[in-house]
Amino acid sequence: MEFKINKIEDWQNVVNEIMPHFKHNILLLKGNLGAGKTTFTKFLLKNLGSKDEVSSPTYAIVNEYHTPKGKVFHFDLYRMKNIGEVYDIGMDEYLDNAQLCIIEWPEIYEEELQGFPHHEITISNSEEKRTVTFR
């Protein structure tokens, strides 16, 4: 599925369209700095019923949010230097105990996810537009 984002309100349409297709508890978010990964997450969590304030987990590495169906963990692996650091934060435990794990900058951990069912969203952006691809 592919979507064009021209204004902030378009994110709601993206969430509306992909939510019925969510079947796995792992969502990888890919895109350059400023592409809209955290903005997408804000819209998604609101639609999941969370009343928590959503912010980028860049410095905390993981943020925890509450929804009526369970916990959502939002990761930012941008500053991780190696897979050992990912294991040191207890990634496996989070994956086992979450309604949903949203992982920004997942590239360092992707090989470990082979065989784990997950979804992926890629956000590409240019000065004129953003394109969101869901699979």
N, C-alpha and C. Protein backbone atom coordinates (compact mmCIF):
# COMPACT_ATOMS: atom_id res chain seq x y z
N MET A 1 0.84 -1.17 0.00
CA MET A 1 0.00 0.00 0.00
C MET A 1 0.89 1.24 0.00
N GLU A 2 0.50 2.23 -0.77
CA GLU A 2 1.29 3.45 -0.85
C GLU A 2 0.37 4.66 -0.71
N PHE A 3 0.87 5.67 0.01
CA PHE A 3 0.10 6.87 0.29
C PHE A 3 0.96 8.10 0.05
N LYS A 4 0.33 9.19 -0.34
CA LYS A 4 1.00 10.49 -0.48
C LYS A 4 0.57 11.37 0.68
N ILE A 5 1.52 12.04 1.28
CA ILE A 5 1.25 12.96 2.39
C ILE A 5 1.54 14.37 1.89
N ASN A 6 0.50 15.18 1.86
CA ASN A 6 0.65 16.58 1.45
C ASN A 6 0.43 17.55 2.60
N LYS A 7 -0.32 17.10 3.60
CA LYS A 7 -0.58 17.94 4.76
C LYS A 7 -0.71 17.04 5.99
N ILE A 8 -0.58 17.60 7.17
CA ILE A 8 -0.55 16.83 8.41
C ILE A 8 -1.78 15.92 8.56
N GLU A 9 -2.93 16.39 8.11
CA GLU A 9 -4.16 15.62 8.25
C GLU A 9 -4.14 14.32 7.44
N ASP A 10 -3.29 14.24 6.43
CA ASP A 10 -3.20 13.03 5.61
C ASP A 10 -2.71 11.82 6.41
N TRP A 11 -2.00 12.06 7.52
CA TRP A 11 -1.52 10.96 8.35
C TRP A 11 -2.71 10.15 8.89
N GLN A 12 -3.81 10.82 9.20
CA GLN A 12 -4.98 10.11 9.71
C GLN A 12 -5.51 9.12 8.68
N ASN A 13 -5.51 9.51 7.42
CA ASN A 13 -5.94 8.60 6.36
C ASN A 13 -5.03 7.38 6.28
N VAL A 14 -3.74 7.59 6.40
CA VAL A 14 -2.78 6.47 6.38
C VAL A 14 -3.12 5.49 7.50
N VAL A 15 -3.30 6.01 8.71
CA VAL A 15 -3.62 5.15 9.85
C VAL A 15 -4.94 4.41 9.62
N ASN A 16 -5.95 5.12 9.15
CA ASN A 16 -7.25 4.49 8.89
C ASN A 16 -7.13 3.34 7.89
N GLU A 17 -6.31 3.52 6.89
CA GLU A 17 -6.17 2.50 5.84
C GLU A 17 -5.35 1.29 6.28
N ILE A 18 -4.32 1.51 7.10
CA ILE A 18 -3.45 0.38 7.44
C ILE A 18 -3.90 -0.39 8.69
N MET A 19 -4.62 0.26 9.59
CA MET A 19 -5.00 -0.43 10.84
C MET A 19 -5.73 -1.75 10.60
N PRO A 20 -6.65 -1.84 9.65
CA PRO A 20 -7.30 -3.14 9.43
C PRO A 20 -6.34 -4.24 8.97
N HIS A 21 -5.16 -3.87 8.51
CA HIS A 21 -4.20 -4.84 8.00
C HIS A 21 -3.15 -5.24 9.04
N PHE A 22 -3.19 -4.63 10.22
CA PHE A 22 -2.23 -4.97 11.28
C PHE A 22 -2.53 -6.38 11.79
N LYS A 23 -1.56 -7.26 11.64
CA LYS A 23 -1.71 -8.62 12.12
C LYS A 23 -0.57 -9.02 13.05
N HIS A 24 0.48 -8.23 13.11
CA HIS A 24 1.67 -8.57 13.88
C HIS A 24 1.95 -7.47 14.91
N ASN A 25 2.70 -7.82 15.95
CA ASN A 25 2.96 -6.84 17.01
C ASN A 25 4.28 -6.11 16.85
N ILE A 26 4.90 -6.23 15.68
CA ILE A 26 6.15 -5.50 15.42
C ILE A 26 5.95 -4.65 14.18
N LEU A 27 6.28 -3.37 14.32
CA LEU A 27 6.18 -2.42 13.20
C LEU A 27 7.52 -1.71 13.06
N LEU A 28 8.16 -1.88 11.92
CA LEU A 28 9.42 -1.20 11.64
C LEU A 28 9.10 0.09 10.89
N LEU A 29 9.71 1.19 11.35
CA LEU A 29 9.53 2.49 10.70
C LEU A 29 10.86 2.94 10.13
N LYS A 30 10.89 3.13 8.82
CA LYS A 30 12.11 3.56 8.14
C LYS A 30 11.88 4.91 7.48
N GLY A 31 12.91 5.73 7.48
CA GLY A 31 12.84 7.03 6.84
C GLY A 31 13.93 7.93 7.36
N ASN A 32 14.26 8.94 6.59
CA ASN A 32 15.30 9.89 6.98
C ASN A 32 14.87 10.70 8.19
N LEU A 33 15.82 11.42 8.78
CA LEU A 33 15.49 12.36 9.85
C LEU A 33 14.43 13.33 9.35
N GLY A 34 13.40 13.54 10.15
CA GLY A 34 12.36 14.48 9.78
C GLY A 34 11.36 13.97 8.78
N ALA A 35 11.39 12.68 8.47
CA ALA A 35 10.47 12.12 7.47
C ALA A 35 9.03 12.07 7.97
N GLY A 36 8.86 11.89 9.28
CA GLY A 36 7.51 11.82 9.83
C GLY A 36 7.24 10.56 10.64
N LYS A 37 8.28 9.85 11.05
CA LYS A 37 8.10 8.59 11.79
C LYS A 37 7.36 8.83 13.11
N THR A 38 7.78 9.82 13.86
CA THR A 38 7.12 10.10 15.14
C THR A 38 5.74 10.71 14.93
N THR A 39 5.56 11.50 13.90
CA THR A 39 4.24 12.05 13.59
C THR A 39 3.27 10.92 13.28
N PHE A 40 3.69 9.97 12.47
CA PHE A 40 2.86 8.80 12.20
C PHE A 40 2.52 8.09 13.50
N THR A 41 3.50 7.91 14.37
CA THR A 41 3.29 7.20 15.64
C THR A 41 2.25 7.92 16.50
N LYS A 42 2.28 9.25 16.51
CA LYS A 42 1.28 10.01 17.27
C LYS A 42 -0.13 9.70 16.78
N PHE A 43 -0.33 9.71 15.48
CA PHE A 43 -1.65 9.41 14.93
C PHE A 43 -2.05 7.97 15.22
N LEU A 44 -1.12 7.04 15.09
CA LEU A 44 -1.41 5.64 15.33
C LEU A 44 -1.83 5.41 16.78
N LEU A 45 -1.07 5.95 17.72
CA LEU A 45 -1.38 5.74 19.13
C LEU A 45 -2.71 6.37 19.52
N LYS A 46 -3.00 7.52 18.98
CA LYS A 46 -4.30 8.14 19.25
C LYS A 46 -5.42 7.20 18.79
N ASN A 47 -5.25 6.60 17.63
CA ASN A 47 -6.26 5.69 17.10
C ASN A 47 -6.32 4.37 17.85
N LEU A 48 -5.26 4.02 18.54
CA LEU A 48 -5.26 2.82 19.38
C LEU A 48 -5.86 3.11 20.75
N GLY A 49 -6.25 4.37 20.98
CA GLY A 49 -6.90 4.73 22.23
C GLY A 49 -5.98 5.24 23.32
N SER A 50 -4.72 5.49 23.00
CA SER A 50 -3.79 6.01 24.00
C SER A 50 -4.06 7.48 24.27
N LYS A 51 -4.00 7.83 25.53
CA LYS A 51 -4.14 9.24 25.92
C LYS A 51 -2.78 9.82 26.32
N ASP A 52 -1.73 9.02 26.17
CA ASP A 52 -0.38 9.45 26.52
C ASP A 52 0.16 10.45 25.51
N GLU A 53 1.04 11.32 25.98
CA GLU A 53 1.71 12.25 25.08
C GLU A 53 2.84 11.51 24.38
N VAL A 54 2.84 11.55 23.06
CA VAL A 54 3.82 10.82 22.26
C VAL A 54 4.96 11.76 21.89
N SER A 55 6.18 11.27 22.11
CA SER A 55 7.36 12.04 21.74
C SER A 55 8.40 11.10 21.14
N SER A 56 9.37 11.68 20.49
CA SER A 56 10.43 10.87 19.89
C SER A 56 11.27 10.22 20.99
N PRO A 57 11.56 8.92 20.85
CA PRO A 57 12.40 8.25 21.84
C PRO A 57 13.90 8.37 21.57
N THR A 58 14.30 9.39 20.83
CA THR A 58 15.69 9.52 20.41
C THR A 58 16.67 9.42 21.58
N TYR A 59 16.42 10.13 22.67
CA TYR A 59 17.36 10.14 23.78
C TYR A 59 17.06 9.07 24.81
N ALA A 60 15.79 8.72 24.98
CA ALA A 60 15.41 7.70 25.94
C ALA A 60 15.60 6.29 25.36
N ILE A 61 15.68 6.17 24.08
CA ILE A 61 15.79 4.93 23.30
C ILE A 61 14.45 4.19 23.24
N VAL A 62 13.69 4.16 24.33
CA VAL A 62 12.37 3.52 24.30
C VAL A 62 11.38 4.34 25.13
N ASN A 63 10.21 4.55 24.58
CA ASN A 63 9.10 5.17 25.29
C ASN A 63 7.99 4.13 25.43
N GLU A 64 7.30 4.17 26.54
CA GLU A 64 6.19 3.25 26.80
C GLU A 64 4.88 4.03 26.80
N TYR A 65 3.90 3.48 26.10
CA TYR A 65 2.57 4.09 26.03
C TYR A 65 1.53 3.05 26.42
N HIS A 66 0.42 3.52 26.89
CA HIS A 66 -0.65 2.63 27.32
C HIS A 66 -1.86 2.78 26.39
N THR A 67 -2.44 1.64 26.03
CA THR A 67 -3.66 1.63 25.23
C THR A 67 -4.64 0.69 25.94
N PRO A 68 -5.91 0.74 25.59
CA PRO A 68 -6.88 -0.19 26.20
C PRO A 68 -6.53 -1.66 25.99
N LYS A 69 -5.80 -1.99 24.92
CA LYS A 69 -5.46 -3.39 24.64
C LYS A 69 -4.09 -3.80 25.18
N GLY A 70 -3.32 -2.86 25.70
CA GLY A 70 -2.02 -3.21 26.25
C GLY A 70 -0.96 -2.16 25.97
N LYS A 71 0.27 -2.50 26.34
CA LYS A 71 1.39 -1.57 26.22
C LYS A 71 1.91 -1.51 24.79
N VAL A 72 2.35 -0.30 24.42
CA VAL A 72 3.02 -0.07 23.15
C VAL A 72 4.40 0.50 23.49
N PHE A 73 5.43 -0.11 22.93
CA PHE A 73 6.78 0.37 23.12
C PHE A 73 7.26 0.98 21.81
N HIS A 74 7.86 2.17 21.91
CA HIS A 74 8.31 2.93 20.74
C HIS A 74 9.82 3.11 20.88
N PHE A 75 10.56 2.49 19.99
CA PHE A 75 12.02 2.48 20.05
C PHE A 75 12.63 3.39 18.99
N ASP A 76 13.80 3.91 19.30
CA ASP A 76 14.63 4.61 18.33
C ASP A 76 16.03 4.00 18.45
N LEU A 77 16.43 3.22 17.45
CA LEU A 77 17.72 2.53 17.49
C LEU A 77 18.82 3.29 16.75
N TYR A 78 18.57 4.55 16.44
CA TYR A 78 19.51 5.35 15.65
C TYR A 78 20.90 5.38 16.27
N ARG A 79 20.99 5.52 17.59
CA ARG A 79 22.29 5.67 18.24
C ARG A 79 22.95 4.35 18.62
N MET A 80 22.29 3.23 18.34
CA MET A 80 22.86 1.92 18.66
C MET A 80 24.04 1.64 17.72
N LYS A 81 25.14 1.24 18.30
CA LYS A 81 26.36 1.02 17.51
C LYS A 81 26.50 -0.43 17.05
N ASN A 82 25.88 -1.35 17.79
CA ASN A 82 25.98 -2.76 17.42
C ASN A 82 24.80 -3.53 18.01
N ILE A 83 24.63 -4.76 17.57
CA ILE A 83 23.48 -5.56 18.00
C ILE A 83 23.53 -5.85 19.50
N GLY A 84 24.72 -5.90 20.07
CA GLY A 84 24.85 -6.12 21.51
C GLY A 84 24.15 -5.04 22.31
N GLU A 85 24.23 -3.80 21.86
CA GLU A 85 23.56 -2.70 22.55
C GLU A 85 22.04 -2.87 22.50
N VAL A 86 21.54 -3.40 21.40
CA VAL A 86 20.10 -3.63 21.28
C VAL A 86 19.67 -4.70 22.28
N TYR A 87 20.45 -5.76 22.40
CA TYR A 87 20.13 -6.79 23.39
C TYR A 87 20.25 -6.27 24.81
N ASP A 88 21.20 -5.35 25.04
CA ASP A 88 21.40 -4.79 26.39
C ASP A 88 20.18 -4.02 26.89
N ILE A 89 19.39 -3.46 25.98
CA ILE A 89 18.20 -2.72 26.43
C ILE A 89 17.03 -3.68 26.69
N GLY A 90 17.22 -4.97 26.43
CA GLY A 90 16.19 -5.96 26.69
C GLY A 90 15.14 -6.07 25.60
N MET A 91 15.55 -5.89 24.37
CA MET A 91 14.61 -5.89 23.25
C MET A 91 13.72 -7.13 23.23
N ASP A 92 14.27 -8.30 23.46
CA ASP A 92 13.47 -9.53 23.42
C ASP A 92 12.32 -9.49 24.42
N GLU A 93 12.59 -8.99 25.61
CA GLU A 93 11.53 -8.91 26.63
C GLU A 93 10.43 -7.95 26.21
N TYR A 94 10.82 -6.83 25.62
CA TYR A 94 9.81 -5.88 25.13
C TYR A 94 8.94 -6.54 24.07
N LEU A 95 9.57 -7.22 23.13
CA LEU A 95 8.81 -7.86 22.05
C LEU A 95 7.83 -8.90 22.58
N ASP A 96 8.22 -9.58 23.64
CA ASP A 96 7.37 -10.63 24.21
C ASP A 96 6.22 -10.07 25.05
N ASN A 97 6.32 -8.83 25.49
CA ASN A 97 5.35 -8.29 26.45
C ASN A 97 4.62 -7.06 25.96
N ALA A 98 4.44 -6.94 24.67
CA ALA A 98 3.83 -5.72 24.14
C ALA A 98 2.65 -6.04 23.23
N GLN A 99 1.68 -5.17 23.28
CA GLN A 99 0.61 -5.18 22.29
C GLN A 99 1.22 -4.83 20.92
N LEU A 100 2.16 -3.85 20.95
CA LEU A 100 2.82 -3.41 19.72
C LEU A 100 4.19 -2.84 20.06
N CYS A 101 5.18 -3.15 19.23
CA CYS A 101 6.50 -2.54 19.31
C CYS A 101 6.75 -1.80 18.00
N ILE A 102 6.97 -0.50 18.12
CA ILE A 102 7.25 0.34 16.97
C ILE A 102 8.75 0.64 17.02
N ILE A 103 9.46 0.29 15.97
CA ILE A 103 10.92 0.42 15.99
C ILE A 103 11.37 1.36 14.87
N GLU A 104 11.83 2.56 15.27
CA GLU A 104 12.43 3.49 14.32
C GLU A 104 13.90 3.13 14.14
N TRP A 105 14.41 3.35 12.96
CA TRP A 105 15.80 3.03 12.63
C TRP A 105 16.12 1.56 12.95
N PRO A 106 15.34 0.63 12.40
CA PRO A 106 15.49 -0.78 12.78
C PRO A 106 16.62 -1.54 12.09
N GLU A 107 17.34 -0.89 11.21
CA GLU A 107 18.31 -1.59 10.37
C GLU A 107 19.31 -2.44 11.15
N ILE A 108 19.76 -1.97 12.30
CA ILE A 108 20.76 -2.71 13.07
C ILE A 108 20.17 -4.01 13.64
N TYR A 109 18.86 -4.06 13.75
CA TYR A 109 18.19 -5.20 14.37
C TYR A 109 17.43 -6.08 13.36
N GLU A 110 17.35 -5.66 12.13
CA GLU A 110 16.53 -6.35 11.13
C GLU A 110 16.92 -7.80 10.91
N GLU A 111 18.18 -8.08 10.88
CA GLU A 111 18.61 -9.46 10.65
C GLU A 111 18.10 -10.37 11.76
N GLU A 112 18.05 -9.86 12.98
CA GLU A 112 17.56 -10.64 14.11
C GLU A 112 16.06 -10.90 14.01
N LEU A 113 15.36 -10.10 13.24
CA LEU A 113 13.92 -10.24 13.09
C LEU A 113 13.52 -11.22 11.98
N GLN A 114 14.52 -11.78 11.29
CA GLN A 114 14.21 -12.78 10.26
C GLN A 114 13.41 -13.89 10.91
N GLY A 115 12.29 -14.22 10.31
CA GLY A 115 11.45 -15.27 10.86
C GLY A 115 10.39 -14.76 11.83
N PHE A 116 10.51 -13.53 12.30
CA PHE A 116 9.47 -12.93 13.14
C PHE A 116 8.52 -12.15 12.24
N PRO A 117 7.25 -12.46 12.29
CA PRO A 117 6.32 -11.69 11.46
C PRO A 117 6.27 -10.24 11.90
N HIS A 118 6.34 -9.34 10.95
CA HIS A 118 6.31 -7.92 11.27
C HIS A 118 5.80 -7.13 10.06
N HIS A 119 5.47 -5.89 10.34
CA HIS A 119 5.08 -4.94 9.30
C HIS A 119 6.20 -3.93 9.12
N GLU A 120 6.20 -3.28 7.97
CA GLU A 120 7.22 -2.26 7.71
C GLU A 120 6.57 -1.07 7.02
N ILE A 121 6.93 0.10 7.52
CA ILE A 121 6.52 1.34 6.87
C ILE A 121 7.79 2.10 6.51
N THR A 122 7.85 2.51 5.25
CA THR A 122 8.96 3.34 4.77
C THR A 122 8.38 4.69 4.38
N ILE A 123 9.00 5.74 4.90
CA ILE A 123 8.57 7.10 4.57
C ILE A 123 9.71 7.77 3.81
N SER A 124 9.44 8.11 2.56
CA SER A 124 10.44 8.84 1.79
C SER A 124 9.92 10.26 1.62
N ASN A 125 10.82 11.20 1.72
CA ASN A 125 10.38 12.59 1.63
C ASN A 125 11.31 13.40 0.76
N SER A 126 10.69 14.36 0.09
CA SER A 126 11.41 15.37 -0.68
C SER A 126 10.78 16.70 -0.31
N GLU A 127 11.26 17.76 -0.88
CA GLU A 127 10.71 19.08 -0.55
C GLU A 127 9.24 19.19 -0.92
N GLU A 128 8.82 18.47 -1.95
CA GLU A 128 7.45 18.60 -2.43
C GLU A 128 6.46 17.68 -1.75
N LYS A 129 6.89 16.47 -1.34
CA LYS A 129 5.93 15.48 -0.84
C LYS A 129 6.60 14.41 0.00
N ARG A 130 5.73 13.66 0.69
CA ARG A 130 6.15 12.46 1.40
C ARG A 130 5.38 11.29 0.80
N THR A 131 6.04 10.16 0.72
CA THR A 131 5.40 8.94 0.26
C THR A 131 5.56 7.90 1.36
N VAL A 132 4.45 7.28 1.73
CA VAL A 132 4.44 6.27 2.77
C VAL A 132 4.10 4.93 2.12
N THR A 133 4.95 3.94 2.37
CA THR A 133 4.72 2.60 1.85
C THR A 133 4.56 1.65 3.03
N PHE A 134 3.48 0.87 3.01
CA PHE A 134 3.20 -0.10 4.08
C PHE A 134 3.25 -1.50 3.50
N ARG A 135 3.95 -2.38 4.19
CA ARG A 135 3.92 -3.81 3.81
C ARG A 135 4.09 -4.66 5.04
